[in-house]
């Protein structure tokens, strides 16, 4: 997420070379995680997920790694518009949810994981869970730009709920 209008491509390419060297010379979880985050920023979600998978093998309890893996899976599903009939997209979203849950099992107040799980619930049309998650997120963070986005999402979901409550059910 965040601002994508101003990208220093030279710096980003240099960072990739440095991270690739770091992974080659010392393929530990922190180097793999950093390279995965670079791929995540570049929207290369499959590459990011591969790095996070390797890092999680060495650091299976790392909450931030689980969160980032969940993001990679969720965004890859959203960007590739996986055919719903195959069930592949739903399966990938379910695995993303598992990673957000693992992140929150390790650190129940990790704001990024709460925010991302709320987005996922919203994506999966689990609207009550999404509303609850947005409210929880706003208890932890009420002032950041992410909180503004959380409020917008919560207002949208509340509006949908009110609209549904006001729409009479017609029996045929």
C-alpha atoms as a PDB file:
ATOM      1  CA  UNK A   1       0.000   0.000   0.000  1.00  0.00           C
ATOM      2  CA  UNK A   2       0.911   3.601   0.367  1.00  0.00           C
ATOM      3  CA  UNK A   3       2.025   6.209  -2.108  1.00  0.00           C
ATOM      4  CA  UNK A   4       3.047   4.823  -5.455  1.00  0.00           C
ATOM      5  CA  UNK A   5       3.318   7.997  -7.547  1.00  0.00           C
ATOM      6  CA  UNK A   6       6.958   8.722  -6.784  1.00  0.00           C
ATOM      7  CA  UNK A   7       9.244   5.759  -7.306  1.00  0.00           C
ATOM      8  CA  UNK A   8      13.012   6.034  -7.496  1.00  0.00           C
ATOM      9  CA  UNK A   9      13.576   3.168  -9.916  1.00  0.00           C
ATOM     10  CA  UNK A  10      17.365   3.394  -9.762  1.00  0.00           C
ATOM     11  CA  UNK A  11      17.332   3.112  -5.976  1.00  0.00           C
ATOM     12  CA  UNK A  12      14.843   0.247  -6.149  1.00  0.00           C
ATOM     13  CA  UNK A  13      16.956  -1.684  -8.663  1.00  0.00           C
ATOM     14  CA  UNK A  14      20.054  -1.087  -6.522  1.00  0.00           C
ATOM     15  CA  UNK A  15      18.170  -2.318  -3.463  1.00  0.00           C
ATOM     16  CA  UNK A  16      17.196  -5.463  -5.351  1.00  0.00           C
ATOM     17  CA  UNK A  17      20.833  -6.160  -6.265  1.00  0.00           C
ATOM     18  CA  UNK A  18      21.904  -5.662  -2.657  1.00  0.00           C
ATOM     19  CA  UNK A  19      19.123  -7.916  -1.372  1.00  0.00           C
ATOM     20  CA  UNK A  20      19.867 -10.614  -3.937  1.00  0.00           C
ATOM     21  CA  UNK A  21      23.518 -10.529  -2.838  1.00  0.00           C
ATOM     22  CA  UNK A  22      22.458 -10.710   0.815  1.00  0.00           C
ATOM     23  CA  UNK A  23      20.229 -13.735   0.140  1.00  0.00           C
ATOM     24  CA  UNK A  24      22.991 -15.409  -1.875  1.00  0.00           C
ATOM     25  CA  UNK A  25      25.656 -14.818   0.796  1.00  0.00           C
ATOM     26  CA  UNK A  26      23.477 -15.397   3.862  1.00  0.00           C
ATOM     27  CA  UNK A  27      20.057 -16.879   3.042  1.00  0.00           C
ATOM     28  CA  UNK A  28      18.645 -16.298   6.508  1.00  0.00           C
ATOM     29  CA  UNK A  29      15.071 -15.334   7.330  1.00  0.00           C
ATOM     30  CA  UNK A  30      15.743 -11.587   7.572  1.00  0.00           C
ATOM     31  CA  UNK A  31      17.381 -11.403   4.124  1.00  0.00           C
ATOM     32  CA  UNK A  32      14.646 -13.554   2.572  1.00  0.00           C
ATOM     33  CA  UNK A  33      11.982 -11.438   4.269  1.00  0.00           C
ATOM     34  CA  UNK A  34      13.540  -8.200   3.016  1.00  0.00           C
ATOM     35  CA  UNK A  35      13.738  -9.515  -0.552  1.00  0.00           C
ATOM     36  CA  UNK A  36      10.141 -10.702  -0.299  1.00  0.00           C
ATOM     37  CA  UNK A  37       9.059  -7.245   0.817  1.00  0.00           C
ATOM     38  CA  UNK A  38      10.789  -5.717  -2.178  1.00  0.00           C
ATOM     39  CA  UNK A  39       8.893  -8.096  -4.470  1.00  0.00           C
ATOM     40  CA  UNK A  40       5.700  -7.257  -2.601  1.00  0.00           C
ATOM     41  CA  UNK A  41       6.268  -3.538  -3.229  1.00  0.00           C
ATOM     42  CA  UNK A  42       6.836  -4.320  -6.918  1.00  0.00           C
ATOM     43  CA  UNK A  43       3.582  -6.302  -7.014  1.00  0.00           C
ATOM     44  CA  UNK A  44       5.457  -9.489  -7.854  1.00  0.00           C
ATOM     45  CA  UNK A  45       3.339 -11.460  -5.463  1.00  0.00           C
ATOM     46  CA  UNK A  46       4.378 -14.976  -6.471  1.00  0.00           C
ATOM     47  CA  UNK A  47       8.070 -14.103  -6.042  1.00  0.00           C
ATOM     48  CA  UNK A  48       7.308 -12.432  -2.705  1.00  0.00           C
ATOM     49  CA  UNK A  49       5.391 -15.471  -1.498  1.00  0.00           C
ATOM     50  CA  UNK A  50       8.292 -17.740  -2.436  1.00  0.00           C
ATOM     51  CA  UNK A  51      10.721 -15.693  -0.349  1.00  0.00           C
ATOM     52  CA  UNK A  52       8.315 -15.549   2.592  1.00  0.00           C
ATOM     53  CA  UNK A  53       7.801 -19.319   2.409  1.00  0.00           C
ATOM     54  CA  UNK A  54      11.555 -19.888   2.588  1.00  0.00           C
ATOM     55  CA  UNK A  55      11.900 -17.419   5.470  1.00  0.00           C
ATOM     56  CA  UNK A  56       9.029 -19.031   7.391  1.00  0.00           C
ATOM     57  CA  UNK A  57      10.798 -22.403   7.218  1.00  0.00           C
ATOM     58  CA  UNK A  58      13.546 -20.882   9.362  1.00  0.00           C
ATOM     59  CA  UNK A  59      11.331 -18.582  11.455  1.00  0.00           C
ATOM     60  CA  UNK A  60       7.879 -20.196  11.692  1.00  0.00           C
ATOM     61  CA  UNK A  61       6.740 -18.007  14.584  1.00  0.00           C
ATOM     62  CA  UNK A  62       7.530 -14.638  13.017  1.00  0.00           C
ATOM     63  CA  UNK A  63       4.283 -12.628  13.098  1.00  0.00           C
ATOM     64  CA  UNK A  64       5.411 -10.045  10.549  1.00  0.00           C
ATOM     65  CA  UNK A  65       6.456 -12.768   8.116  1.00  0.00           C
ATOM     66  CA  UNK A  66       3.074 -14.465   8.426  1.00  0.00           C
ATOM     67  CA  UNK A  67       1.343 -11.135   7.847  1.00  0.00           C
ATOM     68  CA  UNK A  68       3.402 -10.421   4.743  1.00  0.00           C
ATOM     69  CA  UNK A  69       2.783 -13.932   3.395  1.00  0.00           C
ATOM     70  CA  UNK A  70      -0.946 -13.381   3.888  1.00  0.00           C
ATOM     71  CA  UNK A  71      -0.728 -10.083   2.008  1.00  0.00           C
ATOM     72  CA  UNK A  72       1.158 -11.682  -0.887  1.00  0.00           C
ATOM     73  CA  UNK A  73      -1.442 -14.438  -1.219  1.00  0.00           C
ATOM     74  CA  UNK A  74      -4.389 -12.072  -0.884  1.00  0.00           C
ATOM     75  CA  UNK A  75      -3.026  -9.576  -3.406  1.00  0.00           C
ATOM     76  CA  UNK A  76      -1.992 -12.253  -5.876  1.00  0.00           C
ATOM     77  CA  UNK A  77      -5.536 -13.590  -5.776  1.00  0.00           C
ATOM     78  CA  UNK A  78      -7.014 -10.134  -6.262  1.00  0.00           C
ATOM     79  CA  UNK A  79      -4.657  -9.187  -9.101  1.00  0.00           C
ATOM     80  CA  UNK A  80      -4.838 -12.429 -11.047  1.00  0.00           C
ATOM     81  CA  UNK A  81      -8.624 -12.658 -10.815  1.00  0.00           C
ATOM     82  CA  UNK A  82      -8.433 -16.415 -10.338  1.00  0.00           C
ATOM     83  CA  UNK A  83     -11.484 -18.145 -11.766  1.00  0.00           C
ATOM     84  CA  UNK A  84     -13.866 -18.679  -8.854  1.00  0.00           C
ATOM     85  CA  UNK A  85     -15.260 -21.903 -10.268  1.00  0.00           C
ATOM     86  CA  UNK A  86     -11.947 -23.652  -9.753  1.00  0.00           C
ATOM     87  CA  UNK A  87     -11.958 -22.825  -6.068  1.00  0.00           C
ATOM     88  CA  UNK A  88      -8.310 -21.833  -6.377  1.00  0.00           C
ATOM     89  CA  UNK A  89      -8.966 -18.221  -5.431  1.00  0.00           C
ATOM     90  CA  UNK A  90     -11.007 -19.138  -2.363  1.00  0.00           C
ATOM     91  CA  UNK A  91      -8.355 -21.658  -1.316  1.00  0.00           C
ATOM     92  CA  UNK A  92      -5.611 -19.035  -1.632  1.00  0.00           C
ATOM     93  CA  UNK A  93      -7.677 -16.539   0.405  1.00  0.00           C
ATOM     94  CA  UNK A  94      -8.227 -19.199   3.074  1.00  0.00           C
ATOM     95  CA  UNK A  95      -4.466 -19.765   3.280  1.00  0.00           C
ATOM     96  CA  UNK A  96      -3.956 -15.988   3.525  1.00  0.00           C
ATOM     97  CA  UNK A  97      -6.427 -15.970   6.437  1.00  0.00           C
ATOM     98  CA  UNK A  98      -4.433 -18.759   8.116  1.00  0.00           C
ATOM     99  CA  UNK A  99      -1.306 -16.613   7.882  1.00  0.00           C
ATOM    100  CA  UNK A 100      -3.063 -13.552   9.344  1.00  0.00           C
ATOM    101  CA  UNK A 101      -4.370 -15.749  12.175  1.00  0.00           C
ATOM    102  CA  UNK A 102      -0.885 -17.152  12.831  1.00  0.00           C
ATOM    103  CA  UNK A 103       0.501 -13.617  12.896  1.00  0.00           C
ATOM    104  CA  UNK A 104      -2.131 -12.600  15.428  1.00  0.00           C
ATOM    105  CA  UNK A 105      -1.568 -15.734  17.500  1.00  0.00           C
ATOM    106  CA  UNK A 106       2.059 -14.624  17.846  1.00  0.00           C
ATOM    107  CA  UNK A 107       1.198 -10.955  18.386  1.00  0.00           C
ATOM    108  CA  UNK A 108      -2.504 -10.285  18.954  1.00  0.00           C
ATOM    109  CA  UNK A 109      -2.025  -6.521  18.625  1.00  0.00           C
ATOM    110  CA  UNK A 110      -0.083  -6.469  15.352  1.00  0.00           C
ATOM    111  CA  UNK A 111      -1.921  -3.619  13.582  1.00  0.00           C
ATOM    112  CA  UNK A 112      -0.895  -4.664  10.072  1.00  0.00           C
ATOM    113  CA  UNK A 113      -2.324  -8.150  10.516  1.00  0.00           C
ATOM    114  CA  UNK A 114      -5.582  -6.832  11.996  1.00  0.00           C
ATOM    115  CA  UNK A 115      -5.939  -4.349   9.137  1.00  0.00           C
ATOM    116  CA  UNK A 116      -5.181  -6.988   6.511  1.00  0.00           C
ATOM    117  CA  UNK A 117      -7.508  -9.537   8.062  1.00  0.00           C
ATOM    118  CA  UNK A 118     -10.292  -6.943   8.008  1.00  0.00           C
ATOM    119  CA  UNK A 119      -9.609  -6.357   4.303  1.00  0.00           C
ATOM    120  CA  UNK A 120      -9.685 -10.091   3.691  1.00  0.00           C
ATOM    121  CA  UNK A 121     -12.977 -10.534   5.546  1.00  0.00           C
ATOM    122  CA  UNK A 122     -14.402  -7.715   3.479  1.00  0.00           C
ATOM    123  CA  UNK A 123     -13.077  -9.309   0.267  1.00  0.00           C
ATOM    124  CA  UNK A 124     -14.666 -12.621   1.224  1.00  0.00           C
ATOM    125  CA  UNK A 125     -18.003 -10.876   2.020  1.00  0.00           C
ATOM    126  CA  UNK A 126     -17.748 -11.859   5.702  1.00  0.00           C
ATOM    127  CA  UNK A 127     -19.186  -8.465   6.539  1.00  0.00           C
ATOM    128  CA  UNK A 128     -19.923  -8.885  10.251  1.00  0.00           C
ATOM    129  CA  UNK A 129     -16.393 -10.168  10.859  1.00  0.00           C
ATOM    130  CA  UNK A 130     -15.000  -7.307   8.775  1.00  0.00           C
ATOM    131  CA  UNK A 131     -16.945  -4.726  10.819  1.00  0.00           C
ATOM    132  CA  UNK A 132     -15.704  -6.238  14.083  1.00  0.00           C
ATOM    133  CA  UNK A 133     -12.114  -6.296  12.802  1.00  0.00           C
ATOM    134  CA  UNK A 134     -12.239  -2.657  11.638  1.00  0.00           C
ATOM    135  CA  UNK A 135     -13.568  -1.619  15.065  1.00  0.00           C
ATOM    136  CA  UNK A 136     -10.772  -3.539  16.787  1.00  0.00           C
ATOM    137  CA  UNK A 137      -8.185  -1.973  14.496  1.00  0.00           C
ATOM    138  CA  UNK A 138      -9.499   1.521  15.295  1.00  0.00           C
ATOM    139  CA  UNK A 139      -9.143   0.816  19.030  1.00  0.00           C
ATOM    140  CA  UNK A 140      -5.423   0.228  18.433  1.00  0.00           C
ATOM    141  CA  UNK A 141      -4.861   2.965  15.861  1.00  0.00           C
ATOM    142  CA  UNK A 142      -7.183   5.949  15.626  1.00  0.00           C
ATOM    143  CA  UNK A 143      -4.869   8.551  14.105  1.00  0.00           C
ATOM    144  CA  UNK A 144      -2.826   7.190  11.192  1.00  0.00           C
ATOM    145  CA  UNK A 145      -3.740   7.343   7.495  1.00  0.00           C
ATOM    146  CA  UNK A 146      -4.486   3.618   7.806  1.00  0.00           C
ATOM    147  CA  UNK A 147      -7.061   4.498  10.480  1.00  0.00           C
ATOM    148  CA  UNK A 148      -8.703   6.846   7.991  1.00  0.00           C
ATOM    149  CA  UNK A 149      -8.986   3.970   5.526  1.00  0.00           C
ATOM    150  CA  UNK A 150     -10.340   1.708   8.257  1.00  0.00           C
ATOM    151  CA  UNK A 151     -13.019   4.295   9.105  1.00  0.00           C
ATOM    152  CA  UNK A 152     -13.986   4.589   5.418  1.00  0.00           C
ATOM    153  CA  UNK A 153     -14.336   0.817   5.142  1.00  0.00           C
ATOM    154  CA  UNK A 154     -16.338   0.615   8.359  1.00  0.00           C
ATOM    155  CA  UNK A 155     -18.684   3.398   7.192  1.00  0.00           C
ATOM    156  CA  UNK A 156     -19.171   1.566   3.883  1.00  0.00           C
ATOM    157  CA  UNK A 157     -20.025  -1.671   5.668  1.00  0.00           C
ATOM    158  CA  UNK A 158     -22.328   0.091   8.146  1.00  0.00           C
ATOM    159  CA  UNK A 159     -24.099   1.765   5.233  1.00  0.00           C
ATOM    160  CA  UNK A 160     -24.616  -1.598   3.549  1.00  0.00           C
ATOM    161  CA  UNK A 161     -26.001  -3.081   6.748  1.00  0.00           C
ATOM    162  CA  UNK A 162     -28.436  -0.203   7.262  1.00  0.00           C
ATOM    163  CA  UNK A 163     -29.540  -0.426   3.651  1.00  0.00           C
ATOM    164  CA  UNK A 164     -30.137  -4.173   3.980  1.00  0.00           C
ATOM    165  CA  UNK A 165     -32.140  -3.635   7.190  1.00  0.00           C
ATOM    166  CA  UNK A 166     -34.351  -1.027   5.521  1.00  0.00           C
ATOM    167  CA  UNK A 167     -35.017  -3.059   2.381  1.00  0.00           C
ATOM    168  CA  UNK A 168     -38.252  -5.027   2.837  1.00  0.00           C
ATOM    169  CA  UNK A 169     -38.146  -8.714   2.089  1.00  0.00           C
ATOM    170  CA  UNK A 170     -40.578  -9.683  -0.630  1.00  0.00           C
ATOM    171  CA  UNK A 171     -41.935 -13.173  -0.695  1.00  0.00           C
ATOM    172  CA  UNK A 172     -42.760 -14.630  -4.056  1.00  0.00           C
END
